Amino acid sequence: PATSNPWLAGSPTGTVANPINPHNNPDYAGNAN
């Protein structure tokens, strides 16, 4: 999916990527489900 952030690869569920960004809308690591 285009939503796949490489900077969350292998990171535990709940890990945040780009917590500070212009839209205040960070990405999060999920789980298999």
PDB file of all heavy atoms in Angstrom:
ATOM      1  N   PRO A   1       0.829  -1.202   0.000  1.00  0.00           N
ATOM      2  CA  PRO A   1       0.000   0.000   0.000  1.00  0.00           C
ATOM      3  C   PRO A   1       0.874   1.266   0.000  1.00  0.00           C
ATOM      4  O   PRO A   1       1.972   1.263   0.568  1.00  0.00           O
ATOM      5  CB  PRO A   1      -0.799  -0.115   1.301  1.00  0.00           C
ATOM      6  CG  PRO A   1      -0.675  -1.536   1.740  1.00  0.00           C
ATOM      7  CD  PRO A   1       0.631  -2.012   1.215  1.00  0.00           C
ATOM      8  N   ALA A   2       0.377   2.334  -0.620  1.00  0.00           N
ATOM      9  CA  ALA A   2       1.126   3.588  -0.657  1.00  0.00           C
ATOM     10  C   ALA A   2       1.291   4.206   0.723  1.00  0.00           C
ATOM     11  O   ALA A   2       2.078   5.134   0.911  1.00  0.00           O
ATOM     12  CB  ALA A   2       0.436   4.574  -1.592  1.00  0.00           C
ATOM     13  N   THR A   3       0.560   3.683   1.703  1.00  0.00           N
ATOM     14  CA  THR A   3       0.646   4.174   3.080  1.00  0.00           C
ATOM     15  C   THR A   3       1.796   3.527   3.867  1.00  0.00           C
ATOM     16  O   THR A   3       1.943   3.769   5.064  1.00  0.00           O
ATOM     17  CB  THR A   3      -0.669   3.889   3.816  1.00  0.00           C
ATOM     18  OG1 THR A   3      -0.998   2.500   3.632  1.00  0.00           O
ATOM     19  CG2 THR A   3      -1.796   4.748   3.262  1.00  0.00           C
ATOM     20  N   SER A   4       2.615   2.694   3.203  1.00  0.00           N
ATOM     21  CA  SER A   4       3.668   1.938   3.886  1.00  0.00           C
ATOM     22  C   SER A   4       4.911   2.792   4.118  1.00  0.00           C
ATOM     23  O   SER A   4       5.643   3.102   3.176  1.00  0.00           O
ATOM     24  CB  SER A   4       4.045   0.709   3.054  1.00  0.00           C
ATOM     25  OG  SER A   4       2.913  -0.097   2.788  1.00  0.00           O
ATOM     26  N   ASN A   5       5.155   3.153   5.375  1.00  0.00           N
ATOM     27  CA  ASN A   5       6.251   4.058   5.749  1.00  0.00           C
ATOM     28  C   ASN A   5       7.506   3.253   6.111  1.00  0.00           C
ATOM     29  O   ASN A   5       7.513   2.571   7.137  1.00  0.00           O
ATOM     30  CB  ASN A   5       5.793   4.911   6.931  1.00  0.00           C
ATOM     31  CG  ASN A   5       6.816   5.954   7.349  1.00  0.00           C
ATOM     32  OD1 ASN A   5       8.005   5.835   7.067  1.00  0.00           O
ATOM     33  ND2 ASN A   5       6.352   6.982   8.039  1.00  0.00           N
ATOM     34  N   PRO A   6       8.583   3.342   5.309  1.00  0.00           N
ATOM     35  CA  PRO A   6       9.793   2.555   5.598  1.00  0.00           C
ATOM     36  C   PRO A   6      10.392   2.852   6.973  1.00  0.00           C
ATOM     37  O   PRO A   6      11.070   1.996   7.552  1.00  0.00           O
ATOM     38  CB  PRO A   6      10.767   2.964   4.485  1.00  0.00           C
ATOM     39  CG  PRO A   6       9.909   3.535   3.405  1.00  0.00           C
ATOM     40  CD  PRO A   6       8.725   4.146   4.081  1.00  0.00           C
ATOM     41  N   TRP A   7      10.151   4.053   7.507  1.00  0.00           N
ATOM     42  CA  TRP A   7      10.737   4.437   8.793  1.00  0.00           C
ATOM     43  C   TRP A   7       9.978   3.837   9.978  1.00  0.00           C
ATOM     44  O   TRP A   7      10.334   4.057  11.120  1.00  0.00           O
ATOM     45  CB  TRP A   7      10.871   5.948   8.876  1.00  0.00           C
ATOM     46  CG  TRP A   7      12.045   6.390   8.055  1.00  0.00           C
ATOM     47  CD1 TRP A   7      13.354   6.478   8.468  1.00  0.00           C
ATOM     48  CD2 TRP A   7      12.056   6.758   6.670  1.00  0.00           C
ATOM     49  NE1 TRP A   7      14.161   6.857   7.421  1.00  0.00           N
ATOM     50  CE2 TRP A   7      13.396   7.043   6.305  1.00  0.00           C
ATOM     51  CE3 TRP A   7      11.063   6.861   5.699  1.00  0.00           C
ATOM     52  CZ2 TRP A   7      13.767   7.431   5.009  1.00  0.00           C
ATOM     53  CZ3 TRP A   7      11.426   7.241   4.407  1.00  0.00           C
ATOM     54  CH2 TRP A   7      12.769   7.522   4.081  1.00  0.00           C
ATOM     55  N   LEU A   8       8.948   3.035   9.670  1.00  0.00           N
ATOM     56  CA  LEU A   8       8.269   2.243  10.702  1.00  0.00           C
ATOM     57  C   LEU A   8       8.570   0.747  10.551  1.00  0.00           C
ATOM     58  O   LEU A   8       8.040  -0.069  11.296  1.00  0.00           O
ATOM     59  CB  LEU A   8       6.758   2.476  10.652  1.00  0.00           C
ATOM     60  CG  LEU A   8       6.311   3.869  11.106  1.00  0.00           C
ATOM     61  CD1 LEU A   8       4.836   4.082  10.822  1.00  0.00           C
ATOM     62  CD2 LEU A   8       6.617   4.089  12.587  1.00  0.00           C
ATOM     63  N   ALA A   9       9.443   0.401   9.607  1.00  0.00           N
ATOM     64  CA  ALA A   9       9.768  -1.007   9.367  1.00  0.00           C
ATOM     65  C   ALA A   9      10.324  -1.654  10.638  1.00  0.00           C
ATOM     66  O   ALA A   9      11.256  -1.139  11.254  1.00  0.00           O
ATOM     67  CB  ALA A   9      10.793  -1.128   8.244  1.00  0.00           C
ATOM     68  N   GLY A  10       9.728  -2.775  11.013  1.00  0.00           N
ATOM     69  CA  GLY A  10      10.218  -3.541  12.145  1.00  0.00           C
ATOM     70  C   GLY A  10      10.025  -2.902  13.498  1.00  0.00           C
ATOM     71  O   GLY A  10      10.478  -3.443  14.514  1.00  0.00           O
ATOM     72  N   SER A  11       9.348  -1.769  13.543  1.00  0.00           N
ATOM     73  CA  SER A  11       9.172  -1.051  14.806  1.00  0.00           C
ATOM     74  C   SER A  11       7.968  -1.586  15.578  1.00  0.00           C
ATOM     75  O   SER A  11       6.976  -2.005  14.976  1.00  0.00           O
ATOM     76  CB  SER A  11       8.983   0.452  14.552  1.00  0.00           C
ATOM     77  OG  SER A  11      10.146   1.012  13.957  1.00  0.00           O
ATOM     78  N   PRO A  12       8.037  -1.575  16.916  1.00  0.00           N
ATOM     79  CA  PRO A  12       6.927  -2.095  17.724  1.00  0.00           C
ATOM     80  C   PRO A  12       5.636  -1.318  17.500  1.00  0.00           C
ATOM     81  O   PRO A  12       5.663  -0.127  17.165  1.00  0.00           O
ATOM     82  CB  PRO A  12       7.414  -1.906  19.166  1.00  0.00           C
ATOM     83  CG  PRO A  12       8.890  -1.734  19.082  1.00  0.00           C
ATOM     84  CD  PRO A  12       9.164  -1.120  17.749  1.00  0.00           C
ATOM     85  N   THR A  13       4.508  -2.001  17.676  1.00  0.00           N
ATOM     86  CA  THR A  13       3.187  -1.379  17.556  1.00  0.00           C
ATOM     87  C   THR A  13       3.130  -0.096  18.387  1.00  0.00           C
ATOM     88  O   THR A  13       3.559  -0.079  19.536  1.00  0.00           O
ATOM     89  CB  THR A  13       2.100  -2.346  18.038  1.00  0.00           C
ATOM     90  OG1 THR A  13       2.180  -3.538  17.261  1.00  0.00           O
ATOM     91  CG2 THR A  13       0.715  -1.742  17.881  1.00  0.00           C
ATOM     92  N   GLY A  14       2.605   0.974  17.773  1.00  0.00           N
ATOM     93  CA  GLY A  14       2.483   2.250  18.469  1.00  0.00           C
ATOM     94  C   GLY A  14       3.639   3.205  18.255  1.00  0.00           C
ATOM     95  O   GLY A  14       3.543   4.381  18.622  1.00  0.00           O
ATOM     96  N   THR A  15       4.747   2.709  17.653  1.00  0.00           N
ATOM     97  CA  THR A  15       5.867   3.597  17.341  1.00  0.00           C
ATOM     98  C   THR A  15       5.386   4.717  16.429  1.00  0.00           C
ATOM     99  O   THR A  15       4.610   4.493  15.497  1.00  0.00           O
ATOM    100  CB  THR A  15       7.001   2.812  16.646  1.00  0.00           C
ATOM    101  OG1 THR A  15       7.450   1.766  17.507  1.00  0.00           O
ATOM    102  CG2 THR A  15       8.180   3.720  16.317  1.00  0.00           C
ATOM    103  N   VAL A  16       5.848   5.934  16.685  1.00  0.00           N
ATOM    104  CA  VAL A  16       5.423   7.108  15.917  1.00  0.00           C
ATOM    105  C   VAL A  16       6.504   7.487  14.911  1.00  0.00           C
ATOM    106  O   VAL A  16       7.696   7.398  15.211  1.00  0.00           O
ATOM    107  CB  VAL A  16       5.140   8.300  16.865  1.00  0.00           C
ATOM    108  CG1 VAL A  16       4.622   9.507  16.082  1.00  0.00           C
ATOM    109  CG2 VAL A  16       4.161   7.900  17.944  1.00  0.00           C
ATOM    110  N   ALA A  17       6.086   7.907  13.722  1.00  0.00           N
ATOM    111  CA  ALA A  17       7.005   8.455  12.719  1.00  0.00           C
ATOM    112  C   ALA A  17       6.609   9.898  12.422  1.00  0.00           C
ATOM    113  O   ALA A  17       5.431  10.205  12.280  1.00  0.00           O
ATOM    114  CB  ALA A  17       6.968   7.624  11.448  1.00  0.00           C
ATOM    115  N   ASN A  18       7.616  10.764  12.301  1.00  0.00           N
ATOM    116  CA  ASN A  18       7.386  12.187  12.063  1.00  0.00           C
ATOM    117  C   ASN A  18       6.345  12.768  13.013  1.00  0.00           C
ATOM    118  O   ASN A  18       5.308  13.299  12.590  1.00  0.00           O
ATOM    119  CB  ASN A  18       6.969  12.438  10.608  1.00  0.00           C
ATOM    120  CG  ASN A  18       8.139  12.432   9.652  1.00  0.00           C
ATOM    121  OD1 ASN A  18       9.083  13.203   9.808  1.00  0.00           O
ATOM    122  ND2 ASN A  18       8.104  11.546   8.671  1.00  0.00           N
ATOM    123  N   PRO A  19       6.600  12.680  14.337  1.00  0.00           N
ATOM    124  CA  PRO A  19       5.623  13.198  15.302  1.00  0.00           C
ATOM    125  C   PRO A  19       5.355  14.694  15.152  1.00  0.00           C
ATOM    126  O   PRO A  19       4.267  15.160  15.466  1.00  0.00           O
ATOM    127  CB  PRO A  19       6.261  12.891  16.655  1.00  0.00           C
ATOM    128  CG  PRO A  19       7.712  12.691  16.371  1.00  0.00           C
ATOM    129  CD  PRO A  19       7.785  12.123  14.995  1.00  0.00           C
ATOM    130  N   ILE A  20       6.353  15.423  14.630  1.00  0.00           N
ATOM    131  CA  ILE A  20       6.170  16.860  14.397  1.00  0.00           C
ATOM    132  C   ILE A  20       6.182  17.091  12.896  1.00  0.00           C
ATOM    133  O   ILE A  20       7.203  16.873  12.236  1.00  0.00           O
ATOM    134  CB  ILE A  20       7.286  17.674  15.081  1.00  0.00           C
ATOM    135  CG1 ILE A  20       7.281  17.414  16.591  1.00  0.00           C
ATOM    136  CG2 ILE A  20       7.125  19.158  14.776  1.00  0.00           C
ATOM    137  CD1 ILE A  20       8.518  17.934  17.293  1.00  0.00           C
ATOM    138  N   ASN A  21       5.037  17.457  12.334  1.00  0.00           N
ATOM    139  CA  ASN A  21       4.970  17.741  10.895  1.00  0.00           C
ATOM    140  C   ASN A  21       3.928  18.824  10.643  1.00  0.00           C
ATOM    141  O   ASN A  21       3.118  19.129  11.520  1.00  0.00           O
ATOM    142  CB  ASN A  21       4.674  16.459  10.109  1.00  0.00           C
ATOM    143  CG  ASN A  21       3.282  15.899  10.363  1.00  0.00           C
ATOM    144  OD1 ASN A  21       2.288  16.485   9.936  1.00  0.00           O
ATOM    145  ND2 ASN A  21       3.208  14.760  11.067  1.00  0.00           N
ATOM    146  N   PRO A  22       3.977  19.429   9.449  1.00  0.00           N
ATOM    147  CA  PRO A  22       3.110  20.599   9.195  1.00  0.00           C
ATOM    148  C   PRO A  22       1.616  20.341   9.370  1.00  0.00           C
ATOM    149  O   PRO A  22       0.862  21.276   9.623  1.00  0.00           O
ATOM    150  CB  PRO A  22       3.442  20.958   7.741  1.00  0.00           C
ATOM    151  CG  PRO A  22       4.837  20.482   7.551  1.00  0.00           C
ATOM    152  CD  PRO A  22       4.936  19.214   8.351  1.00  0.00           C
ATOM    153  N   HIS A  23       1.174  19.099   9.224  1.00  0.00           N
ATOM    154  CA  HIS A  23      -0.252  18.810   9.351  1.00  0.00           C
ATOM    155  C   HIS A  23      -0.608  18.198  10.699  1.00  0.00           C
ATOM    156  O   HIS A  23      -1.762  17.808  10.916  1.00  0.00           O
ATOM    157  CB  HIS A  23      -0.707  17.874   8.215  1.00  0.00           C
ATOM    158  CG  HIS A  23      -0.624  18.508   6.856  1.00  0.00           C
ATOM    159  ND1 HIS A  23      -0.723  17.798   5.694  1.00  0.00           N
ATOM    160  CD2 HIS A  23      -0.439  19.809   6.488  1.00  0.00           C
ATOM    161  CE1 HIS A  23      -0.613  18.621   4.654  1.00  0.00           C
ATOM    162  NE2 HIS A  23      -0.434  19.846   5.115  1.00  0.00           N
ATOM    163  N   ASN A  24       0.400  18.080  11.597  1.00  0.00           N
ATOM    164  CA  ASN A  24       0.170  17.476  12.915  1.00  0.00           C
ATOM    165  C   ASN A  24      -0.545  16.134  12.790  1.00  0.00           C
ATOM    166  O   ASN A  24      -1.482  15.833  13.524  1.00  0.00           O
ATOM    167  CB  ASN A  24      -0.639  18.419  13.819  1.00  0.00           C
ATOM    168  CG  ASN A  24       0.140  19.687  14.110  1.00  0.00           C
ATOM    169  OD1 ASN A  24       1.300  19.626  14.494  1.00  0.00           O
ATOM    170  ND2 ASN A  24      -0.493  20.836  13.911  1.00  0.00           N
ATOM    171  N   ASN A  25      -0.110  15.344  11.827  1.00  0.00           N
ATOM    172  CA  ASN A  25      -0.765  14.073  11.524  1.00  0.00           C
ATOM    173  C   ASN A  25       0.295  12.991  11.337  1.00  0.00           C
ATOM    174  O   ASN A  25       0.626  12.629  10.211  1.00  0.00           O
ATOM    175  CB  ASN A  25      -1.623  14.228  10.261  1.00  0.00           C
ATOM    176  CG  ASN A  25      -2.466  12.998   9.987  1.00  0.00           C
ATOM    177  OD1 ASN A  25      -2.627  12.128  10.829  1.00  0.00           O
ATOM    178  ND2 ASN A  25      -2.985  12.904   8.764  1.00  0.00           N
ATOM    179  N   PRO A  26       0.865  12.478  12.449  1.00  0.00           N
ATOM    180  CA  PRO A  26       1.956  11.510  12.332  1.00  0.00           C
ATOM    181  C   PRO A  26       1.483  10.130  11.882  1.00  0.00           C
ATOM    182  O   PRO A  26       0.277   9.852  11.824  1.00  0.00           O
ATOM    183  CB  PRO A  26       2.521  11.443  13.753  1.00  0.00           C
ATOM    184  CG  PRO A  26       1.390  11.838  14.631  1.00  0.00           C
ATOM    185  CD  PRO A  26       0.564  12.803  13.848  1.00  0.00           C
ATOM    186  N   ASP A  27       2.445   9.283  11.551  1.00  0.00           N
ATOM    187  CA  ASP A  27       2.169   7.896  11.203  1.00  0.00           C
ATOM    188  C   ASP A  27       2.493   7.006  12.402  1.00  0.00           C
ATOM    189  O   ASP A  27       3.307   7.362  13.253  1.00  0.00           O
ATOM    190  CB  ASP A  27       3.013   7.465  10.004  1.00  0.00           C
ATOM    191  CG  ASP A  27       2.612   8.191   8.730  1.00  0.00           C
ATOM    192  OD1 ASP A  27       1.411   8.432   8.542  1.00  0.00           O
ATOM    193  OD2 ASP A  27       3.508   8.508   7.928  1.00  0.00           O
ATOM    194  N   TYR A  28       1.869   5.844  12.428  1.00  0.00           N
ATOM    195  CA  TYR A  28       2.059   4.912  13.541  1.00  0.00           C
ATOM    196  C   TYR A  28       2.329   3.498  13.028  1.00  0.00           C
ATOM    197  O   TYR A  28       1.790   3.093  11.993  1.00  0.00           O
ATOM    198  CB  TYR A  28       0.803   4.881  14.426  1.00  0.00           C
ATOM    199  CG  TYR A  28       0.539   6.185  15.120  1.00  0.00           C
ATOM    200  CD1 TYR A  28      -0.309   7.134  14.548  1.00  0.00           C
ATOM    201  CD2 TYR A  28       1.142   6.495  16.336  1.00  0.00           C
ATOM    202  CE1 TYR A  28      -0.557   8.354  15.172  1.00  0.00           C
ATOM    203  CE2 TYR A  28       0.903   7.710  16.969  1.00  0.00           C
ATOM    204  CZ  TYR A  28       0.056   8.631  16.381  1.00  0.00           C
ATOM    205  OH  TYR A  28      -0.173   9.846  16.999  1.00  0.00           O
ATOM    206  N   ALA A  29       3.127   2.761  13.786  1.00  0.00           N
ATOM    207  CA  ALA A  29       3.331   1.338  13.495  1.00  0.00           C
ATOM    208  C   ALA A  29       2.131   0.560  13.998  1.00  0.00           C
ATOM    209  O   ALA A  29       1.616   0.811  15.092  1.00  0.00           O
ATOM    210  CB  ALA A  29       4.608   0.844  14.167  1.00  0.00           C
ATOM    211  N   GLY A  30       1.677  -0.384  13.188  1.00  0.00           N
ATOM    212  CA  GLY A  30       0.550  -1.222  13.560  1.00  0.00           C
ATOM    213  C   GLY A  30       0.995  -2.637  13.862  1.00  0.00           C
ATOM    214  O   GLY A  30       2.148  -2.891  14.217  1.00  0.00           O
ATOM    215  N   ASN A  31       0.060  -3.568  13.702  1.00  0.00           N
ATOM    216  CA  ASN A  31       0.363  -4.982  13.902  1.00  0.00           C
ATOM    217  C   ASN A  31      -0.236  -5.787  12.754  1.00  0.00           C
ATOM    218  O   ASN A  31      -0.776  -5.211  11.802  1.00  0.00           O
ATOM    219  CB  ASN A  31      -0.168  -5.465  15.256  1.00  0.00           C
ATOM    220  CG  ASN A  31      -1.652  -5.173  15.419  1.00  0.00           C
ATOM    221  OD1 ASN A  31      -2.436  -5.391  14.505  1.00  0.00           O
ATOM    222  ND2 ASN A  31      -2.039  -4.657  16.580  1.00  0.00           N
ATOM    223  N   ALA A  32      -0.140  -7.114  12.842  1.00  0.00           N
ATOM    224  CA  ALA A  32      -0.587  -7.968  11.735  1.00  0.00           C
ATOM    225  C   ALA A  32      -2.070  -7.772  11.425  1.00  0.00           C
ATOM    226  O   ALA A  32      -2.479  -7.811  10.262  1.00  0.00           O
ATOM    227  CB  ALA A  32      -0.305  -9.430  12.063  1.00  0.00           C
ATOM    228  N   ASN A  33      -2.886  -7.545  12.445  1.00  0.00           N
ATOM    229  CA  ASN A  33      -4.322  -7.394  12.238  1.00  0.00           C
ATOM    230  C   ASN A  33      -4.693  -6.011  11.719  1.00  0.00           C
ATOM    231  O   ASN A  33      -5.684  -5.836  11.023  1.00  0.00           O
ATOM    232  CB  ASN A  33      -5.071  -7.656  13.552  1.00  0.00           C
ATOM    233  CG  ASN A  33      -4.870  -9.074  14.044  1.00  0.00           C
ATOM    234  OD1 ASN A  33      -4.793  -9.989  13.235  1.00  0.00           O
ATOM    235  ND2 ASN A  33      -4.774  -9.243  15.340  1.00  0.00           N
TER     236      ASN A  33
END
